[in-house]
Amino acid sequence: MTRKTISIDADVYRQLNHKKAPKESLSAALRRLLADEKDPADYLEELFAVPVEADLGLLRRRQSNPTRSSRRRRVA
């Protein structure tokens, strides 16, 4: 891996040092901080790209026999 020497102001160094994780290198911190943030719409596209397989029999059984709450019914 090639290494480059850069100069940054002391206040920038302090800010970077403050934002890095305890055992994270400055290079790793810069890589993490400069990474492109993913658009939430991209996550939706990924979710809908894979069809969800559901156990329809289980869903129908749960709908016909819903679980009962252990709380007492309130009388109005």
Protein backbone atom coordinates (compact mmCIF):
# COMPACT_ATOMS: atom_id res chain seq x y z
CA MET A 1 0.00 0.00 0.00
CA THR A 2 1.33 3.40 -0.93
CA ARG A 3 1.66 5.98 1.82
CA LYS A 4 1.43 9.75 1.42
CA THR A 5 2.39 12.43 3.91
CA ILE A 6 -0.14 15.21 4.29
CA SER A 7 -0.24 18.38 6.36
CA ILE A 8 -3.37 19.43 8.22
CA ASP A 9 -4.02 22.18 10.70
CA ALA A 10 -3.85 21.32 14.39
CA ASP A 11 -7.54 22.07 14.94
CA VAL A 12 -8.51 19.70 12.10
CA TYR A 13 -6.27 17.01 13.60
CA ARG A 14 -7.95 17.42 16.99
CA GLN A 15 -11.41 17.15 15.41
CA LEU A 16 -10.42 14.04 13.48
CA ASN A 17 -8.81 12.50 16.54
CA HIS A 18 -12.01 13.20 18.50
CA LYS A 19 -14.22 11.55 15.84
CA LYS A 20 -12.19 8.37 15.45
CA ALA A 21 -12.99 5.22 17.42
CA PRO A 22 -10.64 4.27 20.29
CA LYS A 23 -8.57 1.69 18.36
CA GLU A 24 -9.21 3.09 14.88
CA SER A 25 -6.36 4.48 12.79
CA LEU A 26 -6.57 7.97 11.37
CA SER A 27 -6.69 6.49 7.85
CA ALA A 28 -9.60 4.23 8.79
CA ALA A 29 -11.39 7.16 10.42
CA LEU A 30 -10.92 9.30 7.30
CA ARG A 31 -12.11 6.43 5.10
CA ARG A 32 -15.24 6.01 7.26
CA LEU A 33 -15.98 9.74 7.46
CA LEU A 34 -15.48 10.28 3.72
CA ALA A 35 -17.54 7.27 2.60
CA ASP A 36 -20.59 8.11 0.51
CA GLU A 37 -23.80 7.82 2.47
CA LYS A 38 -26.32 5.49 0.92
CA ASP A 39 -29.68 6.90 -0.07
CA PRO A 40 -32.56 5.31 1.96
CA ALA A 41 -34.35 4.67 -1.35
CA ASP A 42 -31.54 2.26 -2.26
CA TYR A 43 -32.43 0.13 0.76
CA LEU A 44 -36.06 -0.01 -0.37
CA GLU A 45 -35.00 -1.15 -3.81
CA GLU A 46 -32.95 -3.94 -2.21
CA LEU A 47 -35.87 -5.00 -0.02
CA PHE A 48 -38.31 -5.20 -2.90
CA ALA A 49 -35.80 -6.91 -5.19
CA VAL A 50 -36.04 -10.14 -3.16
CA PRO A 51 -39.56 -11.56 -2.88
CA VAL A 52 -40.67 -12.46 0.63
CA GLU A 53 -41.73 -16.04 1.15
CA ALA A 54 -44.47 -16.34 3.75
CA ASP A 55 -46.00 -19.41 5.32
CA LEU A 56 -49.60 -18.65 4.34
CA GLY A 57 -50.91 -21.56 6.41
CA LEU A 58 -49.28 -20.15 9.54
CA LEU A 59 -50.61 -16.66 8.81
CA ARG A 60 -54.15 -17.98 8.34
CA ARG A 61 -53.95 -20.00 11.59
CA ARG A 62 -52.80 -16.92 13.49
CA GLN A 63 -55.57 -14.80 11.99
CA SER A 64 -58.26 -17.33 12.87
CA ASN A 65 -56.92 -17.86 16.41
CA PRO A 66 -55.20 -14.64 17.56
CA THR A 67 -53.24 -14.66 20.80
CA ARG A 68 -55.11 -13.29 23.79
CA SER A 69 -53.71 -10.62 26.03
CA SER A 70 -53.01 -11.51 29.65
CA ARG A 71 -54.32 -8.10 30.74
CA ARG A 72 -57.79 -7.87 32.21
CA ARG A 73 -60.47 -6.30 30.06
CA ARG A 74 -61.45 -2.79 31.00
CA VAL A 75 -65.12 -2.31 31.67
CA ALA A 76 -66.38 1.06 30.48
